[in-house]
PDB file of N, CA and C in Angstrom:
ATOM      1  N   MET A   1     115.467  16.221 -12.791  1.00  0.00           N
ATOM      2  CA  MET A   1     113.835  15.673 -13.003  1.00  0.00           C
ATOM      3  C   MET A   1     113.355  17.087 -12.991  1.00  0.00           C
ATOM      4  N   GLU A   2     112.361  16.815 -13.987  1.00  0.00           N
ATOM      5  CA  GLU A   2     111.210  18.006 -14.273  1.00  0.00           C
ATOM      6  C   GLU A   2     110.037  18.389 -13.325  1.00  0.00           C
ATOM      7  N   TYR A   3     109.550  19.252 -12.660  1.00  0.00           N
ATOM      8  CA  TYR A   3     108.366  19.225 -11.868  1.00  0.00           C
ATOM      9  C   TYR A   3     107.374  20.525 -12.457  1.00  0.00           C
ATOM     10  N   LYS A   4     106.259  20.194 -11.995  1.00  0.00           N
ATOM     11  CA  LYS A   4     105.313  21.476 -12.275  1.00  0.00           C
ATOM     12  C   LYS A   4     104.787  21.971 -11.079  1.00  0.00           C
ATOM     13  N   ALA A   5     104.920  23.185 -10.847  1.00  0.00           N
ATOM     14  CA  ALA A   5     104.353  23.903  -9.633  1.00  0.00           C
ATOM     15  C   ALA A   5     103.260  24.802 -10.122  1.00  0.00           C
ATOM     16  N   ARG A   6     102.187  24.986  -8.996  1.00  0.00           N
ATOM     17  CA  ARG A   6     101.138  25.747  -9.086  1.00  0.00           C
ATOM     18  C   ARG A   6     100.892  26.516  -8.048  1.00  0.00           C
ATOM     19  N   VAL A   7     101.359  27.897  -8.321  1.00  0.00           N
ATOM     20  CA  VAL A   7     101.405  28.864  -7.163  1.00  0.00           C
ATOM     21  C   VAL A   7     100.006  29.770  -7.307  1.00  0.00           C
ATOM     22  N   GLU A   8      99.380  29.822  -5.978  1.00  0.00           N
ATOM     23  CA  GLU A   8      98.335  30.632  -5.816  1.00  0.00           C
ATOM     24  C   GLU A   8      98.822  31.906  -4.791  1.00  0.00           C
ATOM     25  N   VAL A   9      98.714  33.138  -5.250  1.00  0.00           N
ATOM     26  CA  VAL A   9      98.868  34.091  -4.474  1.00  0.00           C
ATOM     27  C   VAL A   9      97.506  35.051  -4.369  1.00  0.00           C
ATOM     28  N   SER A  10      97.495  35.165  -2.903  1.00  0.00           N
ATOM     29  CA  SER A  10      95.973  36.037  -2.564  1.00  0.00           C
ATOM     30  C   SER A  10      96.617  37.213  -1.758  1.00  0.00           C
ATOM     31  N   LEU A  11      95.719  38.340  -1.669  1.00  0.00           N
ATOM     32  CA  LEU A  11      95.784  39.130  -0.285  1.00  0.00           C
ATOM     33  C   LEU A  11      95.463  38.620   0.590  1.00  0.00           C
ATOM     34  N   LYS A  12      96.103  38.896   1.945  1.00  0.00           N
ATOM     35  CA  LYS A  12      96.048  38.741   3.236  1.00  0.00           C
ATOM     36  C   LYS A  12      94.414  39.549   3.422  1.00  0.00           C
ATOM     37  N   PRO A  13      93.502  38.961   4.356  1.00  0.00           N
ATOM     38  CA  PRO A  13      92.537  39.716   5.200  1.00  0.00           C
ATOM     39  C   PRO A  13      92.979  40.896   5.619  1.00  0.00           C
ATOM     40  N   GLY A  14      91.986  41.895   5.567  1.00  0.00           N
ATOM     41  CA  GLY A  14      91.951  43.139   5.844  1.00  0.00           C
ATOM     42  C   GLY A  14      92.981  44.069   4.492  1.00  0.00           C
ATOM     43  N   HIS A  15      93.465  43.607   3.770  1.00  0.00           N
ATOM     44  CA  HIS A  15      94.111  44.465   2.738  1.00  0.00           C
ATOM     45  C   HIS A  15      92.714  44.948   1.594  1.00  0.00           C
ATOM     46  N   SER A  16      92.876  45.923   0.874  1.00  0.00           N
ATOM     47  CA  SER A  16      92.154  46.226   0.077  1.00  0.00           C
ATOM     48  C   SER A  16      92.398  45.811  -0.892  1.00  0.00           C
ATOM     49  N   ASP A  17      91.155  45.353  -1.912  1.00  0.00           N
ATOM     50  CA  ASP A  17      90.733  44.694  -2.893  1.00  0.00           C
ATOM     51  C   ASP A  17      90.253  45.304  -4.275  1.00  0.00           C
ATOM     52  N   PRO A  18      90.914  46.348  -4.487  1.00  0.00           N
ATOM     53  CA  PRO A  18      90.037  47.363  -5.512  1.00  0.00           C
ATOM     54  C   PRO A  18      89.351  46.516  -6.544  1.00  0.00           C
ATOM     55  N   GLU A  19      90.309  45.404  -7.214  1.00  0.00           N
ATOM     56  CA  GLU A  19      90.009  44.814  -8.542  1.00  0.00           C
ATOM     57  C   GLU A  19      88.599  43.729  -8.082  1.00  0.00           C
ATOM     58  N   GLY A  20      88.744  43.386  -7.033  1.00  0.00           N
ATOM     59  CA  GLY A  20      88.123  42.402  -6.300  1.00  0.00           C
ATOM     60  C   GLY A  20      86.344  43.369  -6.207  1.00  0.00           C
ATOM     61  N   GLU A  21      86.543  44.357  -5.591  1.00  0.00           N
ATOM     62  CA  GLU A  21      85.652  45.243  -5.326  1.00  0.00           C
ATOM     63  C   GLU A  21      84.823  45.657  -6.770  1.00  0.00           C
ATOM     64  N   THR A  22      85.534  46.108  -7.507  1.00  0.00           N
ATOM     65  CA  THR A  22      84.710  46.398  -8.961  1.00  0.00           C
ATOM     66  C   THR A  22      84.199  45.437  -9.463  1.00  0.00           C
ATOM     67  N   THR A  23      84.668  44.180  -9.484  1.00  0.00           N
ATOM     68  CA  THR A  23      84.157  42.785 -10.081  1.00  0.00           C
ATOM     69  C   THR A  23      82.855  42.696  -9.381  1.00  0.00           C
ATOM     70  N   LYS A  24      82.905  42.435  -7.989  1.00  0.00           N
ATOM     71  CA  LYS A  24      81.746  42.434  -7.206  1.00  0.00           C
ATOM     72  C   LYS A  24      80.374  43.291  -7.759  1.00  0.00           C
ATOM     73  N   GLU A  25      80.705  44.701  -7.641  1.00  0.00           N
ATOM     74  CA  GLU A  25      80.014  45.926  -8.033  1.00  0.00           C
ATOM     75  C   GLU A  25      79.226  45.230  -9.611  1.00  0.00           C
ATOM     76  N   SER A  26      80.344  44.846 -10.380  1.00  0.00           N
ATOM     77  CA  SER A  26      79.901  44.808 -11.734  1.00  0.00           C
ATOM     78  C   SER A  26      78.839  43.408 -11.747  1.00  0.00           C
ATOM     79  N   LEU A  27      78.960  42.610 -11.084  1.00  0.00           N
ATOM     80  CA  LEU A  27      78.550  41.304 -11.139  1.00  0.00           C
ATOM     81  C   LEU A  27      77.201  41.764 -10.364  1.00  0.00           C
ATOM     82  N   VAL A  28      76.821  42.157  -9.348  1.00  0.00           N
ATOM     83  CA  VAL A  28      75.566  42.788  -8.398  1.00  0.00           C
ATOM     84  C   VAL A  28      74.748  43.606  -9.548  1.00  0.00           C
ATOM     85  N   GLU A  29      75.431  44.545 -10.514  1.00  0.00           N
ATOM     86  CA  GLU A  29      74.537  45.226 -11.355  1.00  0.00           C
ATOM     87  C   GLU A  29      73.959  44.151 -12.212  1.00  0.00           C
ATOM     88  N   LEU A  30      74.554  43.250 -12.689  1.00  0.00           N
ATOM     89  CA  LEU A  30      74.495  42.148 -13.837  1.00  0.00           C
ATOM     90  C   LEU A  30      73.266  41.247 -13.224  1.00  0.00           C
ATOM     91  N   GLY A  31      72.849  41.409 -11.750  1.00  0.00           N
ATOM     92  CA  GLY A  31      71.684  40.844 -11.019  1.00  0.00           C
ATOM     93  C   GLY A  31      72.226  39.869 -10.347  1.00  0.00           C
ATOM     94  N   TYR A  32      73.491  39.342 -10.296  1.00  0.00           N
ATOM     95  CA  TYR A  32      74.085  38.037  -9.335  1.00  0.00           C
ATOM     96  C   TYR A  32      74.076  38.600  -7.985  1.00  0.00           C
ATOM     97  N   PRO A  33      73.675  37.686  -7.118  1.00  0.00           N
ATOM     98  CA  PRO A  33      73.681  37.726  -5.548  1.00  0.00           C
ATOM     99  C   PRO A  33      75.290  37.757  -5.093  1.00  0.00           C
ATOM    100  N   VAL A  34      76.018  38.241  -5.382  1.00  0.00           N
ATOM    101  CA  VAL A  34      77.538  38.348  -5.022  1.00  0.00           C
ATOM    102  C   VAL A  34      77.715  39.084  -3.719  1.00  0.00           C
ATOM    103  N   LYS A  35      78.280  38.193  -2.686  1.00  0.00           N
ATOM    104  CA  LYS A  35      78.613  39.495  -1.615  1.00  0.00           C
ATOM    105  C   LYS A  35      80.041  39.733  -1.679  1.00  0.00           C
ATOM    106  N   GLU A  36      80.932  38.983  -2.118  1.00  0.00           N
ATOM    107  CA  GLU A  36      82.364  39.115  -1.944  1.00  0.00           C
ATOM    108  C   GLU A  36      83.046  38.709  -3.314  1.00  0.00           C
ATOM    109  N   VAL A  37      84.091  39.490  -3.500  1.00  0.00           N
ATOM    110  CA  VAL A  37      84.986  38.664  -4.770  1.00  0.00           C
ATOM    111  C   VAL A  37      86.547  39.130  -4.190  1.00  0.00           C
ATOM    112  N   ARG A  38      87.308  38.093  -4.174  1.00  0.00           N
ATOM    113  CA  ARG A  38      88.687  38.639  -3.737  1.00  0.00           C
ATOM    114  C   ARG A  38      89.402  38.143  -5.164  1.00  0.00           C
ATOM    115  N   VAL A  39      90.469  38.742  -5.429  1.00  0.00           N
ATOM    116  CA  VAL A  39      91.073  38.544  -6.900  1.00  0.00           C
ATOM    117  C   VAL A  39      92.525  38.411  -6.275  1.00  0.00           C
ATOM    118  N   GLY A  40      92.826  37.041  -7.053  1.00  0.00           N
ATOM    119  CA  GLY A  40      94.167  36.627  -6.811  1.00  0.00           C
ATOM    120  C   GLY A  40      94.827  36.206  -8.060  1.00  0.00           C
ATOM    121  N   LYS A  41      95.966  35.785  -7.925  1.00  0.00           N
ATOM    122  CA  LYS A  41      96.888  35.149  -9.411  1.00  0.00           C
ATOM    123  C   LYS A  41      96.981  33.914  -8.944  1.00  0.00           C
ATOM    124  N   VAL A  42      97.302  33.008 -10.328  1.00  0.00           N
ATOM    125  CA  VAL A  42      97.780  31.810 -10.030  1.00  0.00           C
ATOM    126  C   VAL A  42      99.149  31.643 -11.462  1.00  0.00           C
ATOM    127  N   TYR A  43     100.069  31.144 -10.856  1.00  0.00           N
ATOM    128  CA  TYR A  43     101.295  30.656 -11.664  1.00  0.00           C
ATOM    129  C   TYR A  43     101.584  29.009 -11.901  1.00  0.00           C
ATOM    130  N   GLU A  44     101.815  28.702 -12.951  1.00  0.00           N
ATOM    131  CA  GLU A  44     102.176  27.452 -13.463  1.00  0.00           C
ATOM    132  C   GLU A  44     103.525  27.733 -13.869  1.00  0.00           C
ATOM    133  N   ILE A  45     104.459  27.060 -12.998  1.00  0.00           N
ATOM    134  CA  ILE A  45     105.643  27.183 -13.387  1.00  0.00           C
ATOM    135  C   ILE A  45     106.252  25.478 -13.715  1.00  0.00           C
ATOM    136  N   THR A  46     106.909  25.340 -14.928  1.00  0.00           N
ATOM    137  CA  THR A  46     107.898  24.127 -14.921  1.00  0.00           C
ATOM    138  C   THR A  46     109.285  24.440 -14.662  1.00  0.00           C
ATOM    139  N   LEU A  47     109.829  23.417 -13.649  1.00  0.00           N
ATOM    140  CA  LEU A  47     111.341  23.760 -13.303  1.00  0.00           C
ATOM    141  C   LEU A  47     111.834  22.450 -13.323  1.00  0.00           C
ATOM    142  N   GLU A  48     113.244  22.418 -13.535  1.00  0.00           N
ATOM    143  CA  GLU A  48     114.117  21.212 -13.111  1.00  0.00           C
ATOM    144  C   GLU A  48     114.784  21.446 -11.585  1.00  0.00           C
ATOM    145  N   ALA A  49     114.790  19.969 -11.031  1.00  0.00           N
ATOM    146  CA  ALA A  49     115.284  20.083  -9.922  1.00  0.00           C
ATOM    147  C   ALA A  49     115.432  18.865  -9.449  1.00  0.00           C
ATOM    148  N   PRO A  50     116.773  18.484  -8.704  1.00  0.00           N
ATOM    149  CA  PRO A  50     117.271  17.127  -8.506  1.00  0.00           C
ATOM    150  C   PRO A  50     115.743  16.045  -7.912  1.00  0.00           C
ATOM    151  N   SER A  51     115.004  16.604  -6.833  1.00  0.00           N
ATOM    152  CA  SER A  51     114.309  16.230  -6.049  1.00  0.00           C
ATOM    153  C   SER A  51     113.162  16.996  -5.989  1.00  0.00           C
ATOM    154  N   LEU A  52     111.890  16.187  -5.310  1.00  0.00           N
ATOM    155  CA  LEU A  52     110.770  17.183  -5.032  1.00  0.00           C
ATOM    156  C   LEU A  52     111.210  18.184  -3.906  1.00  0.00           C
ATOM    157  N   ASP A  53     111.992  17.749  -2.743  1.00  0.00           N
ATOM    158  CA  ASP A  53     112.563  18.658  -1.615  1.00  0.00           C
ATOM    159  C   ASP A  53     113.136  20.009  -2.260  1.00  0.00           C
ATOM    160  N   GLY A  54     114.040  19.942  -3.267  1.00  0.00           N
ATOM    161  CA  GLY A  54     114.549  20.715  -4.021  1.00  0.00           C
ATOM    162  C   GLY A  54     113.729  21.601  -4.895  1.00  0.00           C
ATOM    163  N   ALA A  55     112.706  20.745  -5.302  1.00  0.00           N
ATOM    164  CA  ALA A  55     111.693  21.686  -6.114  1.00  0.00           C
ATOM    165  C   ALA A  55     111.166  22.688  -5.337  1.00  0.00           C
ATOM    166  N   GLU A  56     110.533  21.969  -4.097  1.00  0.00           N
ATOM    167  CA  GLU A  56     110.010  22.767  -2.938  1.00  0.00           C
ATOM    168  C   GLU A  56     110.804  24.170  -2.726  1.00  0.00           C
ATOM    169  N   GLN A  57     112.170  23.787  -2.533  1.00  0.00           N
ATOM    170  CA  GLN A  57     113.002  24.865  -1.843  1.00  0.00           C
ATOM    171  C   GLN A  57     113.004  26.006  -2.931  1.00  0.00           C
ATOM    172  N   VAL A  58     113.020  25.617  -4.299  1.00  0.00           N
ATOM    173  CA  VAL A  58     113.457  26.835  -5.510  1.00  0.00           C
ATOM    174  C   VAL A  58     111.950  27.495  -5.437  1.00  0.00           C
ATOM    175  N   VAL A  59     110.560  26.583  -5.488  1.00  0.00           N
ATOM    176  CA  VAL A  59     109.545  27.616  -5.431  1.00  0.00           C
ATOM    177  C   VAL A  59     109.453  28.408  -4.341  1.00  0.00           C
ATOM    178  N   GLU A  60     109.681  27.853  -3.104  1.00  0.00           N
ATOM    179  CA  GLU A  60     109.358  28.823  -1.796  1.00  0.00           C
ATOM    180  C   GLU A  60     110.463  30.123  -2.050  1.00  0.00           C
ATOM    181  N   GLU A  61     111.554  29.868  -2.529  1.00  0.00           N
ATOM    182  CA  GLU A  61     112.199  31.036  -2.775  1.00  0.00           C
ATOM    183  C   GLU A  61     111.514  32.198  -3.787  1.00  0.00           C
ATOM    184  N   ILE A  62     110.981  31.802  -4.990  1.00  0.00           N
ATOM    185  CA  ILE A  62     110.491  32.043  -5.951  1.00  0.00           C
ATOM    186  C   ILE A  62     109.214  32.655  -5.489  1.00  0.00           C
ATOM    187  N   CYS A  63     108.557  32.394  -4.508  1.00  0.00           N
ATOM    188  CA  CYS A  63     107.446  32.681  -4.100  1.00  0.00           C
ATOM    189  C   CYS A  63     107.945  34.315  -3.114  1.00  0.00           C
ATOM    190  N   LEU A  64     108.937  33.983  -2.282  1.00  0.00           N
ATOM    191  CA  LEU A  64     109.375  34.931  -1.479  1.00  0.00           C
ATOM    192  C   LEU A  64     109.996  36.178  -1.969  1.00  0.00           C
ATOM    193  N   ARG A  65     110.724  35.888  -3.285  1.00  0.00           N
ATOM    194  CA  ARG A  65     111.644  36.723  -3.752  1.00  0.00           C
ATOM    195  C   ARG A  65     110.798  37.681  -4.732  1.00  0.00           C
ATOM    196  N   LEU A  66     109.879  37.012  -5.510  1.00  0.00           N
ATOM    197  CA  LEU A  66     109.227  37.650  -6.693  1.00  0.00           C
ATOM    198  C   LEU A  66     107.682  37.629  -6.824  1.00  0.00           C
ATOM    199  N   LEU A  67     107.146  36.417  -6.683  1.00  0.00           N
ATOM    200  CA  LEU A  67     105.684  36.263  -6.681  1.00  0.00           C
ATOM    201  C   LEU A  67     104.826  37.079  -5.602  1.00  0.00           C
ATOM    202  N   SER A  68     105.223  37.068  -4.567  1.00  0.00           N
ATOM    203  CA  SER A  68     104.626  37.854  -3.301  1.00  0.00           C
ATOM    204  C   SER A  68     104.995  38.714  -2.457  1.00  0.00           C
ATOM    205  N   ASN A  69     104.210  39.780  -1.944  1.00  0.00           N
ATOM    206  CA  ASN A  69     104.716  40.407  -1.096  1.00  0.00           C
ATOM    207  C   ASN A  69     104.280  40.178   0.343  1.00  0.00           C
ATOM    208  N   PRO A  70     105.429  39.775   1.376  1.00  0.00           N
ATOM    209  CA  PRO A  70     105.131  39.037   2.367  1.00  0.00           C
ATOM    210  C   PRO A  70     104.471  39.900   3.376  1.00  0.00           C
ATOM    211  N   VAL A  71     104.381  41.267   3.022  1.00  0.00           N
ATOM    212  CA  VAL A  71     103.493  42.227   3.843  1.00  0.00           C
ATOM    213  C   VAL A  71     102.072  42.190   3.658  1.00  0.00           C
ATOM    214  N   LYS A  72     101.472  41.629   2.463  1.00  0.00           N
ATOM    215  CA  LYS A  72     100.041  41.888   1.935  1.00  0.00           C
ATOM    216  C   LYS A  72      99.908  40.800   1.399  1.00  0.00           C
ATOM    217  N   ASP A  73     100.629  39.866   1.137  1.00  0.00           N
ATOM    218  CA  ASP A  73     100.245  38.575   0.431  1.00  0.00           C
ATOM    219  C   ASP A  73     100.262  37.324   1.129  1.00  0.00           C
ATOM    220  N   ASN A  74      99.173  36.352   1.034  1.00  0.00           N
ATOM    221  CA  ASN A  74      99.518  34.779   1.309  1.00  0.00           C
ATOM    222  C   ASN A  74     100.040  34.049   0.100  1.00  0.00           C
ATOM    223  N   TYR A  75     100.433  33.297   0.018  1.00  0.00           N
ATOM    224  CA  TYR A  75     100.791  32.009  -1.086  1.00  0.00           C
ATOM    225  C   TYR A  75     100.721  30.666  -0.493  1.00  0.00           C
ATOM    226  N   THR A  76     100.153  29.978  -1.594  1.00  0.00           N
ATOM    227  CA  THR A  76     100.385  28.474  -1.222  1.00  0.00           C
ATOM    228  C   THR A  76     100.987  27.867  -2.613  1.00  0.00           C
ATOM    229  N   PHE A  77     101.149  26.817  -2.533  1.00  0.00           N
ATOM    230  CA  PHE A  77     101.771  25.845  -4.020  1.00  0.00           C
ATOM    231  C   PHE A  77     101.562  24.473  -3.625  1.00  0.00           C
ATOM    232  N   GLN A  78     101.511  23.963  -4.952  1.00  0.00           N
ATOM    233  CA  GLN A  78     101.577  22.386  -4.981  1.00  0.00           C
ATOM    234  C   GLN A  78     102.589  22.067  -5.957  1.00  0.00           C
ATOM    235  N   ILE A  79     103.302  21.217  -5.945  1.00  0.00           N
ATOM    236  CA  ILE A  79     104.245  20.633  -6.838  1.00  0.00           C
ATOM    237  C   ILE A  79     104.030  19.135  -7.177  1.00  0.00           C
ATOM    238  N   GLU A  80     104.084  18.797  -8.557  1.00  0.00           N
ATOM    239  CA  GLU A  80     104.292  17.053  -8.924  1.00  0.00           C
ATOM    240  C   GLU A  80     105.312  17.348  -9.799  1.00  0.00           C
ATOM    241  N   GLY A  81     105.652  15.524 -10.020  1.00  0.00           N
ATOM    242  CA  GLY A  81     106.551  15.433 -11.071  1.00  0.00           C
ATOM    243  C   GLY A  81     106.046  15.597 -12.326  1.00  0.00           C
ATOM    244  N   ALA A  82     106.680  15.986 -13.451  1.00  0.00           N
ATOM    245  CA  ALA A  82     106.055  16.395 -14.786  1.00  0.00           C
ATOM    246  C   ALA A  82     106.118  15.017 -15.595  1.00  0.00           C
ATOM    247  N   PRO A  83     105.232  14.430 -16.364  1.00  0.00           N
ATOM    248  CA  PRO A  83     105.044  13.420 -16.884  1.00  0.00           C
ATOM    249  C   PRO A  83     106.182  13.466 -18.147  1.00  0.00           C
TER     250      PRO A  83
END
């Protein structure tokens, strides 16, 4: 069966986010009352798996092996069957 996964990867608290800081500074310069910007990544993955549990196992492995660095990143994902 085909599944669609949405994976969100973000920096753990306490890790510097230079891209977020630069974006915040630019927004403040444009006059927006922004206090903080944190930058993350979103991946949309379509995969084949025999079951929802199987898809979850594959996506978990993908996150740990490639999409995130467990030292500095948090990740979450949601999976649904593709139409």
